[in-house]
Amino acid sequence: MSNNIVSEELLLELQNDIFKRAKFFIDDMGLFAPFGSKLIDSEIKPVVIMDDSEDILNVITVLKNNFSEEIKSNHIQAGAIAYDVTIDRIDTGMIDVLCLILSTDGENWSEDNYPYRIVNGECVWGLGS
C-alpha cells in the first residue's frame, strides 16, 4: 500500500482543477464525459479517455483502476475522477451534479456530489434559488 501523504492544499488544487475543467466542458457542451486528474510530484496532470463509443461506467472503472495501481506503486500521489449525473432529490426534483471521487491510497475513494445548473449558457455551481 502507498504511504503517500498529500497536503490539504494539494488536494484542494486537484479538486479546483476538476471544477475548472468540468465548467469548461459544461459551458461548451452542456455536460461532460468522465475525466480525471492525477497528482504526480505535486503537479496536476489531466487524464481523459477519448472514446465516444466507450461505456461511461467502463471509463470510470478504467480510470479508477489505473489510478489505484499508480498510487499503490507510488507513481502518483492521488487521483480524482469526475462524472456527470442527474439525480432526483425529494426536495428539488431532478438536478445535475458533478460526482467527484478521489483517492490518496488507491483503495479508499471519497465520493461527493456538487450540484450545478446552467444559467445563460454558463455553469453555475450550487442549487441556486
N, C-alpha and C. Protein backbone atom coordinates (compact mmCIF):
# COMPACT_ATOMS: atom_id res chain seq x y z
N MET A 1 0.85 -1.19 0.00
CA MET A 1 0.00 0.00 0.00
C MET A 1 0.89 1.24 0.00
N SER A 2 0.43 2.25 -0.69
CA SER A 2 1.16 3.51 -0.78
C SER A 2 1.15 4.24 0.56
N ASN A 3 2.25 4.91 0.84
CA ASN A 3 2.30 5.71 2.06
C ASN A 3 2.36 7.19 1.72
N ASN A 4 1.67 7.55 0.65
CA ASN A 4 1.62 8.94 0.20
C ASN A 4 0.94 9.81 1.25
N ILE A 5 1.56 10.93 1.53
CA ILE A 5 0.92 11.94 2.35
C ILE A 5 0.74 13.15 1.46
N VAL A 6 -0.52 13.53 1.24
CA VAL A 6 -0.83 14.63 0.35
C VAL A 6 -1.43 15.75 1.17
N SER A 7 -0.89 16.94 1.02
CA SER A 7 -1.37 18.08 1.80
C SER A 7 -2.79 18.45 1.39
N GLU A 8 -3.51 19.04 2.33
CA GLU A 8 -4.86 19.52 2.05
C GLU A 8 -4.83 20.55 0.92
N GLU A 9 -3.77 21.35 0.88
CA GLU A 9 -3.64 22.38 -0.18
C GLU A 9 -3.57 21.73 -1.56
N LEU A 10 -2.78 20.66 -1.69
CA LEU A 10 -2.67 19.97 -2.98
C LEU A 10 -3.99 19.30 -3.36
N LEU A 11 -4.68 18.72 -2.38
CA LEU A 11 -5.97 18.10 -2.67
C LEU A 11 -6.98 19.14 -3.12
N LEU A 12 -6.94 20.32 -2.52
CA LEU A 12 -7.83 21.40 -2.93
C LEU A 12 -7.49 21.86 -4.35
N GLU A 13 -6.22 21.95 -4.68
CA GLU A 13 -5.82 22.30 -6.05
C GLU A 13 -6.32 21.26 -7.04
N LEU A 14 -6.23 19.99 -6.66
CA LEU A 14 -6.71 18.91 -7.52
C LEU A 14 -8.21 19.03 -7.74
N GLN A 15 -8.95 19.28 -6.69
CA GLN A 15 -10.41 19.47 -6.82
C GLN A 15 -10.72 20.69 -7.67
N ASN A 16 -10.02 21.80 -7.45
CA ASN A 16 -10.25 23.01 -8.24
C ASN A 16 -9.99 22.78 -9.71
N ASP A 17 -8.95 21.98 -10.02
CA ASP A 17 -8.68 21.63 -11.42
C ASP A 17 -9.87 20.89 -12.03
N ILE A 18 -10.42 19.96 -11.27
CA ILE A 18 -11.60 19.21 -11.74
C ILE A 18 -12.76 20.16 -12.01
N PHE A 19 -13.03 21.07 -11.09
CA PHE A 19 -14.15 22.01 -11.26
C PHE A 19 -13.94 22.92 -12.47
N LYS A 20 -12.73 23.42 -12.66
CA LYS A 20 -12.45 24.31 -13.80
C LYS A 20 -12.65 23.58 -15.12
N ARG A 21 -12.15 22.36 -15.20
CA ARG A 21 -12.30 21.59 -16.43
C ARG A 21 -13.75 21.22 -16.68
N ALA A 22 -14.46 20.81 -15.63
CA ALA A 22 -15.88 20.46 -15.79
C ALA A 22 -16.67 21.67 -16.25
N LYS A 23 -16.41 22.84 -15.66
CA LYS A 23 -17.11 24.06 -16.06
C LYS A 23 -16.87 24.36 -17.53
N PHE A 24 -15.62 24.19 -17.98
CA PHE A 24 -15.31 24.42 -19.39
C PHE A 24 -16.16 23.50 -20.27
N PHE A 25 -16.21 22.19 -19.92
CA PHE A 25 -17.00 21.24 -20.72
C PHE A 25 -18.49 21.57 -20.67
N ILE A 26 -18.99 21.89 -19.48
CA ILE A 26 -20.42 22.20 -19.34
C ILE A 26 -20.77 23.46 -20.13
N ASP A 27 -19.94 24.51 -20.00
CA ASP A 27 -20.19 25.75 -20.75
C ASP A 27 -20.19 25.49 -22.25
N ASP A 28 -19.30 24.59 -22.69
CA ASP A 28 -19.14 24.32 -24.12
C ASP A 28 -20.20 23.37 -24.65
N MET A 29 -20.52 22.30 -23.89
CA MET A 29 -21.38 21.24 -24.41
C MET A 29 -22.65 20.99 -23.59
N GLY A 30 -22.75 21.59 -22.40
CA GLY A 30 -23.91 21.37 -21.56
C GLY A 30 -23.81 20.16 -20.66
N LEU A 31 -22.73 19.39 -20.80
CA LEU A 31 -22.48 18.20 -19.99
C LEU A 31 -21.03 17.80 -20.19
N PHE A 32 -20.61 16.68 -19.58
CA PHE A 32 -19.25 16.22 -19.80
C PHE A 32 -19.15 14.71 -19.63
N ALA A 33 -18.19 14.12 -20.34
CA ALA A 33 -17.88 12.71 -20.19
C ALA A 33 -16.95 12.55 -18.99
N PRO A 34 -16.88 11.36 -18.42
CA PRO A 34 -15.98 11.16 -17.28
C PRO A 34 -14.53 11.52 -17.65
N PHE A 35 -13.84 12.15 -16.70
CA PHE A 35 -12.44 12.50 -16.88
C PHE A 35 -11.77 12.51 -15.52
N GLY A 36 -10.47 12.64 -15.51
CA GLY A 36 -9.75 12.63 -14.24
C GLY A 36 -8.57 13.55 -14.25
N SER A 37 -7.97 13.65 -13.09
CA SER A 37 -6.71 14.37 -12.90
C SER A 37 -5.92 13.59 -11.86
N LYS A 38 -4.60 13.64 -11.99
CA LYS A 38 -3.76 12.95 -11.02
C LYS A 38 -2.63 13.86 -10.59
N LEU A 39 -2.16 13.61 -9.37
CA LEU A 39 -1.02 14.35 -8.83
C LEU A 39 0.25 13.52 -9.03
N ILE A 40 1.18 14.11 -9.77
CA ILE A 40 2.48 13.48 -9.98
C ILE A 40 3.53 14.47 -9.49
N ASP A 41 4.27 14.11 -8.45
CA ASP A 41 5.28 15.02 -7.89
C ASP A 41 4.69 16.41 -7.62
N SER A 42 3.49 16.43 -7.04
CA SER A 42 2.77 17.64 -6.66
C SER A 42 2.32 18.49 -7.85
N GLU A 43 2.33 17.93 -9.06
CA GLU A 43 1.81 18.61 -10.24
C GLU A 43 0.57 17.89 -10.72
N ILE A 44 -0.43 18.67 -11.15
CA ILE A 44 -1.69 18.11 -11.63
C ILE A 44 -1.58 17.80 -13.11
N LYS A 45 -1.93 16.57 -13.47
CA LYS A 45 -1.91 16.13 -14.86
C LYS A 45 -3.31 15.66 -15.24
N PRO A 46 -3.89 16.24 -16.30
CA PRO A 46 -5.22 15.82 -16.73
C PRO A 46 -5.19 14.45 -17.40
N VAL A 47 -6.29 13.72 -17.24
CA VAL A 47 -6.43 12.40 -17.86
C VAL A 47 -7.82 12.33 -18.48
N VAL A 48 -7.86 12.04 -19.79
CA VAL A 48 -9.13 11.92 -20.50
C VAL A 48 -9.04 10.68 -21.38
N ILE A 49 -10.11 9.90 -21.40
CA ILE A 49 -10.20 8.77 -22.31
C ILE A 49 -11.07 9.23 -23.47
N MET A 50 -10.48 9.33 -24.64
CA MET A 50 -11.17 9.86 -25.82
C MET A 50 -11.74 8.73 -26.67
N ASP A 51 -12.85 8.16 -26.22
CA ASP A 51 -13.51 7.11 -26.97
C ASP A 51 -15.00 7.26 -26.75
N ASP A 52 -15.67 7.93 -27.68
CA ASP A 52 -17.10 8.20 -27.55
C ASP A 52 -17.94 6.94 -27.51
N SER A 53 -17.41 5.82 -28.03
CA SER A 53 -18.19 4.60 -28.05
C SER A 53 -18.07 3.84 -26.73
N GLU A 54 -17.16 4.25 -25.87
CA GLU A 54 -16.92 3.55 -24.61
C GLU A 54 -18.06 3.82 -23.62
N ASP A 55 -18.47 2.78 -22.92
CA ASP A 55 -19.50 2.88 -21.90
C ASP A 55 -18.99 3.75 -20.74
N ILE A 56 -19.82 4.66 -20.27
CA ILE A 56 -19.42 5.61 -19.22
C ILE A 56 -18.95 4.88 -17.96
N LEU A 57 -19.67 3.87 -17.53
CA LEU A 57 -19.26 3.13 -16.33
C LEU A 57 -17.92 2.45 -16.53
N ASN A 58 -17.66 1.98 -17.75
CA ASN A 58 -16.37 1.35 -18.03
C ASN A 58 -15.24 2.38 -17.97
N VAL A 59 -15.48 3.58 -18.49
CA VAL A 59 -14.46 4.65 -18.43
C VAL A 59 -14.12 4.96 -16.98
N ILE A 60 -15.14 5.08 -16.14
CA ILE A 60 -14.91 5.36 -14.72
C ILE A 60 -14.10 4.23 -14.08
N THR A 61 -14.47 2.99 -14.38
CA THR A 61 -13.77 1.83 -13.83
C THR A 61 -12.31 1.80 -14.28
N VAL A 62 -12.06 2.07 -15.56
CA VAL A 62 -10.69 2.07 -16.08
C VAL A 62 -9.87 3.16 -15.39
N LEU A 63 -10.43 4.37 -15.29
CA LEU A 63 -9.71 5.46 -14.62
C LEU A 63 -9.41 5.09 -13.16
N LYS A 64 -10.41 4.58 -12.48
CA LYS A 64 -10.26 4.23 -11.06
C LYS A 64 -9.19 3.14 -10.88
N ASN A 65 -9.24 2.10 -11.70
CA ASN A 65 -8.27 1.02 -11.60
C ASN A 65 -6.85 1.51 -11.91
N ASN A 66 -6.72 2.32 -12.96
CA ASN A 66 -5.40 2.85 -13.32
C ASN A 66 -4.85 3.73 -12.21
N PHE A 67 -5.67 4.63 -11.67
CA PHE A 67 -5.21 5.50 -10.59
C PHE A 67 -4.83 4.67 -9.36
N SER A 68 -5.64 3.67 -9.03
CA SER A 68 -5.35 2.83 -7.86
C SER A 68 -3.99 2.15 -8.01
N GLU A 69 -3.74 1.58 -9.18
CA GLU A 69 -2.45 0.92 -9.42
C GLU A 69 -1.29 1.92 -9.33
N GLU A 70 -1.47 3.10 -9.93
CA GLU A 70 -0.41 4.11 -9.92
C GLU A 70 -0.13 4.64 -8.51
N ILE A 71 -1.17 4.79 -7.71
CA ILE A 71 -0.98 5.26 -6.33
C ILE A 71 -0.24 4.19 -5.52
N LYS A 72 -0.69 2.95 -5.63
CA LYS A 72 -0.09 1.86 -4.86
C LYS A 72 1.37 1.63 -5.23
N SER A 73 1.73 1.92 -6.48
CA SER A 73 3.12 1.73 -6.91
C SER A 73 3.94 3.03 -6.76
N ASN A 74 3.32 4.02 -6.11
CA ASN A 74 3.97 5.32 -5.83
C ASN A 74 4.36 6.10 -7.08
N HIS A 75 3.65 5.87 -8.18
CA HIS A 75 3.87 6.67 -9.39
C HIS A 75 3.11 8.00 -9.34
N ILE A 76 2.01 8.00 -8.60
CA ILE A 76 1.24 9.24 -8.40
C ILE A 76 0.89 9.35 -6.93
N GLN A 77 0.53 10.57 -6.51
CA GLN A 77 0.17 10.81 -5.11
C GLN A 77 -1.34 10.69 -4.87
N ALA A 78 -2.13 11.02 -5.88
CA ALA A 78 -3.58 10.99 -5.73
C ALA A 78 -4.23 10.97 -7.10
N GLY A 79 -5.47 10.51 -7.14
CA GLY A 79 -6.25 10.51 -8.37
C GLY A 79 -7.65 11.00 -8.08
N ALA A 80 -8.20 11.78 -9.01
CA ALA A 80 -9.57 12.29 -8.89
C ALA A 80 -10.30 12.05 -10.20
N ILE A 81 -11.56 11.63 -10.09
CA ILE A 81 -12.37 11.35 -11.26
C ILE A 81 -13.70 12.10 -11.12
N ALA A 82 -14.12 12.72 -12.21
CA ALA A 82 -15.40 13.43 -12.22
C ALA A 82 -16.30 12.83 -13.30
N TYR A 83 -17.56 12.72 -12.96
CA TYR A 83 -18.54 12.33 -13.97
C TYR A 83 -19.85 13.05 -13.69
N ASP A 84 -20.62 13.19 -14.76
CA ASP A 84 -21.84 13.99 -14.77
C ASP A 84 -23.04 13.06 -14.57
N VAL A 85 -23.88 13.36 -13.58
CA VAL A 85 -25.08 12.57 -13.37
C VAL A 85 -26.26 13.50 -13.10
N THR A 86 -27.44 12.96 -13.31
CA THR A 86 -28.67 13.65 -12.94
C THR A 86 -29.31 12.81 -11.84
N ILE A 87 -29.65 13.47 -10.74
CA ILE A 87 -30.27 12.75 -9.63
C ILE A 87 -31.63 13.36 -9.33
N ASP A 88 -32.48 12.56 -8.75
CA ASP A 88 -33.82 13.01 -8.37
C ASP A 88 -33.85 13.17 -6.86
N ARG A 89 -33.93 14.42 -6.41
CA ARG A 89 -33.99 14.70 -4.98
C ARG A 89 -35.42 15.00 -4.57
N ILE A 90 -35.79 14.56 -3.40
CA ILE A 90 -37.14 14.77 -2.90
C ILE A 90 -37.47 16.25 -2.81
N ASP A 91 -36.49 17.06 -2.34
CA ASP A 91 -36.76 18.47 -2.11
C ASP A 91 -36.68 19.35 -3.36
N THR A 92 -35.87 18.95 -4.36
CA THR A 92 -35.68 19.83 -5.52
C THR A 92 -36.05 19.20 -6.84
N GLY A 93 -36.32 17.90 -6.86
CA GLY A 93 -36.58 17.21 -8.12
C GLY A 93 -35.28 16.88 -8.83
N MET A 94 -35.32 16.81 -10.14
CA MET A 94 -34.15 16.42 -10.94
C MET A 94 -33.11 17.54 -10.94
N ILE A 95 -31.87 17.17 -10.60
CA ILE A 95 -30.77 18.15 -10.64
C ILE A 95 -29.53 17.48 -11.26
N ASP A 96 -28.72 18.31 -11.92
CA ASP A 96 -27.45 17.85 -12.47
C ASP A 96 -26.39 18.01 -11.40
N VAL A 97 -25.52 17.00 -11.30
CA VAL A 97 -24.43 17.08 -10.32
C VAL A 97 -23.14 16.56 -10.94
N LEU A 98 -22.06 17.14 -10.47
CA LEU A 98 -20.73 16.60 -10.74
C LEU A 98 -20.45 15.65 -9.59
N CYS A 99 -20.21 14.39 -9.91
CA CYS A 99 -19.81 13.43 -8.90
C CYS A 99 -18.30 13.36 -8.93
N LEU A 100 -17.66 13.60 -7.78
CA LEU A 100 -16.21 13.61 -7.67
C LEU A 100 -15.77 12.49 -6.75
N ILE A 101 -14.95 11.58 -7.27
CA ILE A 101 -14.37 10.55 -6.42
C ILE A 101 -12.86 10.78 -6.38
N LEU A 102 -12.27 10.57 -5.21
CA LEU A 102 -10.86 10.90 -5.01
C LEU A 102 -10.21 9.89 -4.09
N SER A 103 -8.95 9.55 -4.39
CA SER A 103 -8.20 8.63 -3.52
C SER A 103 -6.75 9.07 -3.40
N THR A 104 -6.21 8.87 -2.21
CA THR A 104 -4.78 9.11 -1.98
C THR A 104 -4.06 7.81 -1.61
N ASP A 105 -4.82 6.71 -1.46
CA ASP A 105 -4.18 5.44 -1.11
C ASP A 105 -4.47 4.32 -2.11
N GLY A 106 -5.32 4.61 -3.11
CA GLY A 106 -5.63 3.61 -4.13
C GLY A 106 -6.66 2.59 -3.72
N GLU A 107 -7.11 2.63 -2.48
CA GLU A 107 -8.11 1.67 -2.01
C GLU A 107 -9.39 2.36 -1.56
N ASN A 108 -9.25 3.44 -0.83
CA ASN A 108 -10.41 4.16 -0.31
C ASN A 108 -10.67 5.36 -1.21
N TRP A 109 -11.92 5.47 -1.63
CA TRP A 109 -12.33 6.55 -2.52
C TRP A 109 -13.43 7.37 -1.84
N SER A 110 -13.18 8.66 -1.67
CA SER A 110 -14.24 9.54 -1.17
C SER A 110 -15.16 9.85 -2.35
N GLU A 111 -16.41 10.13 -2.06
CA GLU A 111 -17.35 10.48 -3.12
C GLU A 111 -18.21 11.65 -2.66
N ASP A 112 -18.21 12.70 -3.46
CA ASP A 112 -19.01 13.89 -3.16
C ASP A 112 -19.74 14.33 -4.41
N ASN A 113 -20.95 14.87 -4.21
CA ASN A 113 -21.76 15.39 -5.31
C ASN A 113 -21.86 16.90 -5.21
N TYR A 114 -21.66 17.57 -6.35
CA TYR A 114 -21.70 19.03 -6.40
C TYR A 114 -22.73 19.45 -7.44
N PRO A 115 -23.88 19.95 -6.99
CA PRO A 115 -24.92 20.37 -7.93
C PRO A 115 -24.45 21.54 -8.79
N TYR A 116 -24.99 21.57 -10.00
CA TYR A 116 -24.76 22.73 -10.87
C TYR A 116 -26.00 22.96 -11.71
N ARG A 117 -26.08 24.13 -12.25
CA ARG A 117 -27.15 24.47 -13.18
C ARG A 117 -26.56 25.35 -14.26
N ILE A 118 -27.24 25.43 -15.37
CA ILE A 118 -26.77 26.25 -16.47
C ILE A 118 -27.65 27.50 -16.52
N VAL A 119 -27.01 28.65 -16.35
CA VAL A 119 -27.69 29.94 -16.36
C VAL A 119 -27.09 30.77 -17.49
N ASN A 120 -27.93 31.16 -18.44
CA ASN A 120 -27.47 31.94 -19.60
C ASN A 120 -26.28 31.27 -20.28
N GLY A 121 -26.34 29.95 -20.44
CA GLY A 121 -25.31 29.20 -21.14
C GLY A 121 -24.04 28.97 -20.35
N GLU A 122 -24.05 29.26 -19.05
CA GLU A 122 -22.84 29.12 -18.24
C GLU A 122 -23.11 28.28 -17.01
N CYS A 123 -22.16 27.43 -16.67
CA CYS A 123 -22.26 26.58 -15.49
C CYS A 123 -22.14 27.42 -14.23
N VAL A 124 -23.11 27.21 -13.32
CA VAL A 124 -23.09 27.87 -12.02
C VAL A 124 -23.19 26.76 -10.98
N TRP A 125 -22.22 26.70 -10.06
CA TRP A 125 -22.20 25.67 -9.04
C TRP A 125 -23.22 25.99 -7.96
N GLY A 126 -23.89 24.97 -7.45
CA GLY A 126 -24.89 25.13 -6.38
C GLY A 126 -26.28 25.01 -6.93
N LEU A 127 -27.23 24.89 -6.01
CA LEU A 127 -28.63 24.74 -6.40
C LEU A 127 -29.29 26.04 -6.79
N GLY A 128 -28.83 27.13 -6.20
CA GLY A 128 -29.45 28.41 -6.50
C GLY A 128 -30.81 28.53 -5.87
N SER A 129 -31.51 29.57 -6.29
CA SER A 129 -32.85 29.78 -5.73
C SER A 129 -33.90 29.75 -6.80
